[in-house]
Amino acid sequence: MTTALDLAPRLAFAAEIAEIVGRRLLALRSSGRWSAPDLLGDVGDQAADGYLQGALRGRYPHDGILSEETADDRQRLDRAGVWIVDPLDGTKEYSAQRHDFAVHVGYARDGVPLLGAVALPAIGRVLVAAAGLGATAVHGAGGDWPERLAPPPSPGQRLRIVCSRSHTPDWVRRLAAALGDAELVPCGSVGFKVAMLLFGRSDVYVHDRGLKEWDTCAPEVVARSAGFAVCRLDGSAQRYNQPNPRNDQFVVCRPELRERLLAAVAAARA
């Protein structure tokens, strides 16, 4: 059984390596050596993954690793604890010189997500949380983004739904209408979308296809530790380190919105 004490050194290490990878990604992008967006994205993906693989295997050789950028050898299925990482979440945004990309370093044990570090390099913030270790912490300062988590919105405030920058399904538009003409807030990266909620710039995040465990593991932990409800579209919990790492459905919202939101999602997708 993993205790909060066991998680503390892993959490500190996760925060450290996520921040380091973020700085490296910014340096690669600013170097100007890879002007073609596709090439810059590929270089960023592989450089970030190479660093994380080396760091995690060197420090925790007995843990499993599941990464978007490394072929899954499935040895992780024999390990109780597994690191679930997305070295560069939002590759298109990174390649386009945008700010809305992230680095995800998550850790799950026996299928349960226990810690997460979500680095947001372009805005100089890292969201850090682990089960039983208090509320989500915000590392970093300066710039136009908050240095702490935002308070809940005022009752009756128009809801904001953070959605994909490149494609918003019709059912999300129907959902916005059902929630009182909610505002759609386009954004890249799952980790950055969750950060938008935690920083008070959106209220709801819903997704129904194309996600994998590395997209959601670290963001789920930081959202839960910040007091947000996280589940699948039917209200059930996500499970991690599964044989098939696909876990398309993802909902993040304030707890008081959960039942209303799930009912509206079901109607919008019918």
Protein backbone atom coordinates (compact mmCIF):
# COMPACT_ATOMS: atom_id res chain seq x y z
CA MET A 1 0.00 0.00 0.00
CA THR A 2 1.36 3.41 -0.98
CA THR A 3 1.29 6.02 1.77
CA ALA A 4 1.50 9.80 1.56
CA LEU A 5 5.03 9.50 2.94
CA ASP A 6 5.98 7.19 0.04
CA LEU A 7 4.56 9.67 -2.47
CA ALA A 8 6.38 12.75 -1.17
CA PRO A 9 9.79 12.05 -2.77
CA ARG A 10 8.16 10.91 -6.01
CA LEU A 11 6.11 14.10 -6.14
CA ALA A 12 9.14 16.32 -5.60
CA PHE A 13 10.98 14.44 -8.33
CA ALA A 14 8.01 14.64 -10.72
CA ALA A 15 7.76 18.40 -10.24
CA GLU A 16 11.49 18.82 -10.79
CA ILE A 17 11.73 16.83 -14.00
CA ALA A 18 8.53 18.28 -15.46
CA GLU A 19 9.90 21.79 -14.94
CA ILE A 20 13.27 20.85 -16.42
CA VAL A 21 11.64 19.37 -19.52
CA GLY A 22 9.55 22.52 -19.90
CA ARG A 23 12.64 24.72 -19.83
CA ARG A 24 14.34 22.48 -22.38
CA LEU A 25 11.35 22.66 -24.69
CA LEU A 26 11.37 26.46 -24.55
CA ALA A 27 15.09 26.52 -25.28
CA LEU A 28 14.66 24.21 -28.28
CA ARG A 29 11.86 26.37 -29.64
CA SER A 30 13.70 29.64 -29.17
CA SER A 31 16.90 28.34 -30.75
CA GLY A 32 15.44 28.73 -34.25
CA ARG A 33 17.23 25.61 -35.46
CA TRP A 34 14.00 23.89 -36.52
CA SER A 35 11.86 26.37 -38.42
CA ALA A 36 9.43 23.85 -39.93
CA PRO A 37 6.58 23.31 -37.42
CA ASP A 38 6.34 19.55 -37.99
CA LEU A 39 10.07 19.10 -37.46
CA LEU A 40 10.06 21.30 -34.36
CA GLY A 41 7.22 19.22 -32.92
CA ASP A 42 9.02 15.94 -33.60
CA VAL A 43 12.25 17.22 -32.07
CA GLY A 44 10.40 18.52 -29.03
CA ASP A 45 8.51 15.26 -28.52
CA GLN A 46 11.61 13.07 -28.73
CA ALA A 47 13.90 15.34 -26.70
CA ALA A 48 11.35 15.63 -23.89
CA ASP A 49 10.67 11.89 -23.88
CA GLY A 50 14.35 11.01 -23.87
CA TYR A 51 14.99 13.11 -20.79
CA LEU A 52 11.96 11.74 -18.90
CA GLN A 53 12.77 8.13 -19.75
CA GLY A 54 16.33 8.50 -18.52
CA ALA A 55 15.36 10.38 -15.36
CA LEU A 56 12.59 7.99 -14.33
CA ARG A 57 14.46 4.78 -15.12
CA GLY A 58 17.51 6.07 -13.32
CA ARG A 59 15.68 7.10 -10.14
CA TYR A 60 12.89 4.47 -10.02
CA PRO A 61 14.09 1.43 -12.00
CA HIS A 62 11.43 -0.88 -10.53
CA ASP A 63 8.47 1.26 -11.59
CA GLY A 64 6.75 0.87 -14.94
CA ILE A 65 6.57 3.65 -17.53
CA LEU A 66 3.87 4.45 -20.06
CA SER A 67 4.73 7.32 -22.40
CA GLU A 68 3.09 8.67 -25.52
CA GLU A 69 6.43 8.82 -27.31
CA THR A 70 7.89 5.38 -26.50
CA ALA A 71 6.56 2.05 -27.77
CA ASP A 72 4.62 0.26 -25.04
CA ASP A 73 6.46 -2.94 -24.10
CA ARG A 74 3.62 -3.83 -21.67
CA GLN A 75 6.06 -4.75 -18.92
CA ARG A 76 4.32 -1.98 -17.00
CA LEU A 77 1.31 -4.30 -16.57
CA ASP A 78 3.38 -6.42 -14.18
CA ARG A 79 4.23 -3.43 -11.99
CA ALA A 80 1.97 -2.10 -9.26
CA GLY A 81 3.31 1.42 -9.74
CA VAL A 82 3.68 3.07 -13.13
CA TRP A 83 4.72 6.52 -14.34
CA ILE A 84 2.33 7.80 -17.00
CA VAL A 85 3.83 10.67 -18.94
CA ASP A 86 3.11 12.92 -21.88
CA PRO A 87 6.44 14.61 -22.63
CA LEU A 88 4.79 17.30 -24.77
CA ASP A 89 1.01 17.62 -24.57
CA GLY A 90 -0.11 20.05 -27.25
CA THR A 91 2.58 19.46 -29.88
CA LYS A 92 0.70 21.52 -32.48
CA GLU A 93 0.44 24.46 -30.12
CA TYR A 94 4.12 24.18 -29.19
CA SER A 95 5.11 24.07 -32.87
CA ALA A 96 2.92 27.10 -33.62
CA GLN A 97 4.73 29.19 -30.98
CA ARG A 98 1.64 29.23 -28.78
CA HIS A 99 1.57 29.16 -24.98
CA ASP A 100 -1.05 26.43 -24.45
CA PHE A 101 1.06 23.27 -24.23
CA ALA A 102 2.15 21.24 -21.21
CA VAL A 103 4.38 18.51 -19.82
CA HIS A 104 2.58 15.75 -17.86
CA VAL A 105 4.29 13.55 -15.29
CA GLY A 106 1.79 11.31 -13.50
CA TYR A 107 2.04 8.26 -11.29
CA ALA A 108 -0.60 5.58 -10.67
CA ARG A 109 -0.65 2.54 -8.43
CA ASP A 110 -3.04 -0.39 -8.72
CA GLY A 111 -5.02 1.54 -11.32
CA VAL A 112 -5.49 4.67 -9.20
CA PRO A 113 -3.87 8.03 -10.16
CA LEU A 114 -1.90 9.22 -7.13
CA LEU A 115 0.34 12.09 -8.13
CA GLY A 116 0.76 14.54 -10.96
CA ALA A 117 2.94 17.40 -12.10
CA VAL A 118 1.66 19.51 -15.00
CA ALA A 119 4.28 21.95 -16.23
CA LEU A 120 3.07 24.94 -18.27
CA PRO A 121 6.43 26.18 -19.57
CA ALA A 122 5.28 29.16 -21.64
CA ILE A 123 3.55 30.79 -18.66
CA GLY A 124 6.12 29.75 -16.04
CA ARG A 125 3.86 27.61 -13.86
CA VAL A 126 3.88 24.01 -12.62
CA LEU A 127 0.78 22.46 -10.99
CA VAL A 128 1.77 19.81 -8.45
CA ALA A 129 -0.40 17.45 -6.39
CA ALA A 130 -0.54 14.02 -4.78
CA ALA A 131 -3.23 12.09 -2.94
CA GLY A 132 -3.11 12.83 0.78
CA LEU A 133 -0.53 15.60 0.49
CA GLY A 134 -2.83 18.63 0.58
CA ALA A 135 -4.21 20.93 -2.08
CA THR A 136 -2.67 21.41 -5.50
CA ALA A 137 0.37 23.68 -5.34
CA VAL A 138 1.32 26.26 -7.95
CA HIS A 139 5.06 26.61 -8.54
CA GLY A 140 6.37 29.64 -10.41
CA ALA A 141 5.77 33.38 -10.41
CA GLY A 142 5.72 36.38 -12.70
CA GLY A 143 3.82 37.18 -15.87
CA ASP A 144 0.09 37.62 -16.30
CA TRP A 145 -1.05 34.27 -14.87
CA PRO A 146 -2.12 33.71 -11.25
CA GLU A 147 0.37 32.48 -8.68
CA ARG A 148 -2.33 30.58 -6.77
CA LEU A 149 -5.53 28.71 -7.53
CA ALA A 150 -8.63 30.82 -8.17
CA PRO A 151 -11.65 30.85 -5.82
CA PRO A 152 -14.98 29.38 -7.04
CA PRO A 153 -16.96 31.64 -9.41
CA SER A 154 -19.87 33.68 -8.12
CA PRO A 155 -23.30 31.97 -8.19
CA GLY A 156 -25.19 32.71 -11.39
CA GLN A 157 -22.07 33.56 -13.37
CA ARG A 158 -22.21 32.51 -17.03
CA LEU A 159 -20.44 29.19 -17.41
CA ARG A 160 -17.36 28.79 -19.61
CA ILE A 161 -16.52 25.48 -21.33
CA VAL A 162 -12.91 25.00 -22.34
CA CYS A 163 -12.81 23.08 -25.62
CA SER A 164 -10.49 21.95 -28.38
CA ARG A 165 -8.81 24.74 -30.31
CA SER A 166 -8.84 22.75 -33.57
CA HIS A 167 -12.24 21.01 -33.44
CA THR A 168 -15.34 21.47 -31.32
CA PRO A 169 -17.94 18.70 -31.83
CA ASP A 170 -21.56 19.68 -32.43
CA TRP A 171 -22.61 18.03 -29.17
CA VAL A 172 -20.39 20.43 -27.21
CA ARG A 173 -22.18 23.34 -28.82
CA ARG A 174 -25.52 21.77 -27.84
CA LEU A 175 -24.16 21.32 -24.32
CA ALA A 176 -23.23 25.01 -24.17
CA ALA A 177 -26.77 25.96 -25.13
CA ALA A 178 -28.25 23.59 -22.53
CA LEU A 179 -26.08 25.14 -19.81
CA GLY A 180 -27.55 28.59 -20.36
CA ASP A 181 -25.61 29.70 -23.42
CA ALA A 182 -22.23 28.86 -21.89
CA GLU A 183 -19.21 30.48 -23.46
CA LEU A 184 -16.82 28.23 -25.42
CA VAL A 185 -13.14 28.88 -24.64
CA PRO A 186 -10.83 27.26 -27.26
CA CYS A 187 -7.50 25.96 -25.97
CA GLY A 188 -4.88 23.32 -26.71
CA SER A 189 -3.51 20.54 -24.44
CA VAL A 190 -5.48 18.60 -21.82
CA GLY A 191 -3.14 19.82 -19.10
CA PHE A 192 -3.56 23.44 -20.12
CA LYS A 193 -7.35 23.06 -20.32
CA VAL A 194 -7.42 21.76 -16.75
CA ALA A 195 -5.16 24.65 -15.72
CA MET A 196 -7.70 27.06 -17.21
CA LEU A 197 -10.24 25.76 -14.69
CA LEU A 198 -7.84 25.88 -11.76
CA PHE A 199 -6.79 29.44 -12.60
CA GLY A 200 -10.42 30.58 -12.88
CA ARG A 201 -10.47 31.15 -16.65
CA SER A 202 -13.01 28.41 -17.36
CA ASP A 203 -15.52 26.29 -15.42
CA VAL A 204 -16.05 23.02 -17.31
CA TYR A 205 -13.97 20.66 -19.43
CA VAL A 206 -15.57 17.75 -21.30
CA HIS A 207 -14.06 15.41 -23.88
CA ASP A 208 -15.36 12.25 -25.53
CA ARG A 209 -12.75 10.80 -27.92
CA GLY A 210 -9.08 10.50 -28.75
CA LEU A 211 -7.56 10.61 -25.27
CA LYS A 212 -5.06 8.22 -23.73
CA GLU A 213 -3.92 7.68 -20.16
CA TRP A 214 -0.93 10.00 -20.61
CA ASP A 215 -3.30 12.83 -21.56
CA THR A 216 -5.32 12.64 -18.36
CA CYS A 217 -3.36 11.03 -15.49
CA ALA A 218 -1.40 14.02 -14.17
CA PRO A 219 -4.17 16.55 -14.97
CA GLU A 220 -6.71 14.39 -13.12
CA VAL A 221 -4.65 14.38 -9.93
CA VAL A 222 -4.07 18.14 -9.91
CA ALA A 223 -7.77 18.77 -10.58
CA ARG A 224 -8.96 16.39 -7.84
CA SER A 225 -6.54 17.81 -5.30
CA ALA A 226 -7.81 21.30 -6.13
CA GLY A 227 -11.34 20.20 -5.24
CA PHE A 228 -12.72 19.55 -8.71
CA ALA A 229 -14.86 16.57 -9.70
CA VAL A 230 -13.25 14.29 -12.31
CA CYS A 231 -14.96 11.36 -14.04
CA ARG A 232 -16.00 9.77 -17.31
CA LEU A 233 -19.09 10.99 -19.16
CA ASP A 234 -21.23 8.39 -17.37
CA GLY A 235 -19.93 9.48 -13.96
CA SER A 236 -17.62 6.50 -13.43
CA ALA A 237 -13.96 6.76 -12.44
CA GLN A 238 -10.99 6.39 -14.77
CA ARG A 239 -8.65 3.44 -14.28
CA TYR A 240 -4.99 3.60 -15.19
CA ASN A 241 -2.24 1.24 -16.32
CA GLN A 242 -4.75 -0.73 -18.37
CA PRO A 243 -3.76 -3.07 -21.25
CA ASN A 244 -5.38 -0.63 -23.67
CA PRO A 245 -4.43 2.87 -22.45
CA ARG A 246 -7.24 4.54 -24.36
CA ASN A 247 -9.63 6.40 -22.03
CA ASP A 248 -11.47 8.83 -24.28
CA GLN A 249 -14.00 10.28 -21.88
CA PHE A 250 -12.96 13.01 -19.47
CA VAL A 251 -15.00 15.45 -17.39
CA VAL A 252 -13.63 18.10 -15.01
CA CYS A 253 -15.86 20.57 -13.18
CA ARG A 254 -16.72 22.03 -9.79
CA PRO A 255 -18.46 19.39 -7.61
CA GLU A 256 -21.68 21.41 -7.42
CA LEU A 257 -21.97 21.29 -11.23
CA ARG A 258 -21.33 17.57 -11.62
CA GLU A 259 -24.85 16.11 -11.73
CA ARG A 260 -26.29 18.97 -13.76
CA LEU A 261 -23.39 18.72 -16.20
CA LEU A 262 -23.57 14.93 -16.64
CA ALA A 263 -27.32 15.13 -17.31
CA ALA A 264 -26.76 17.88 -19.87
CA VAL A 265 -23.93 15.90 -21.52
CA ALA A 266 -26.15 12.81 -21.85
CA ALA A 267 -28.89 14.88 -23.49
CA ALA A 268 -26.48 16.71 -25.80
CA ARG A 269 -24.90 13.46 -27.02
CA ALA A 270 -28.22 11.59 -27.49
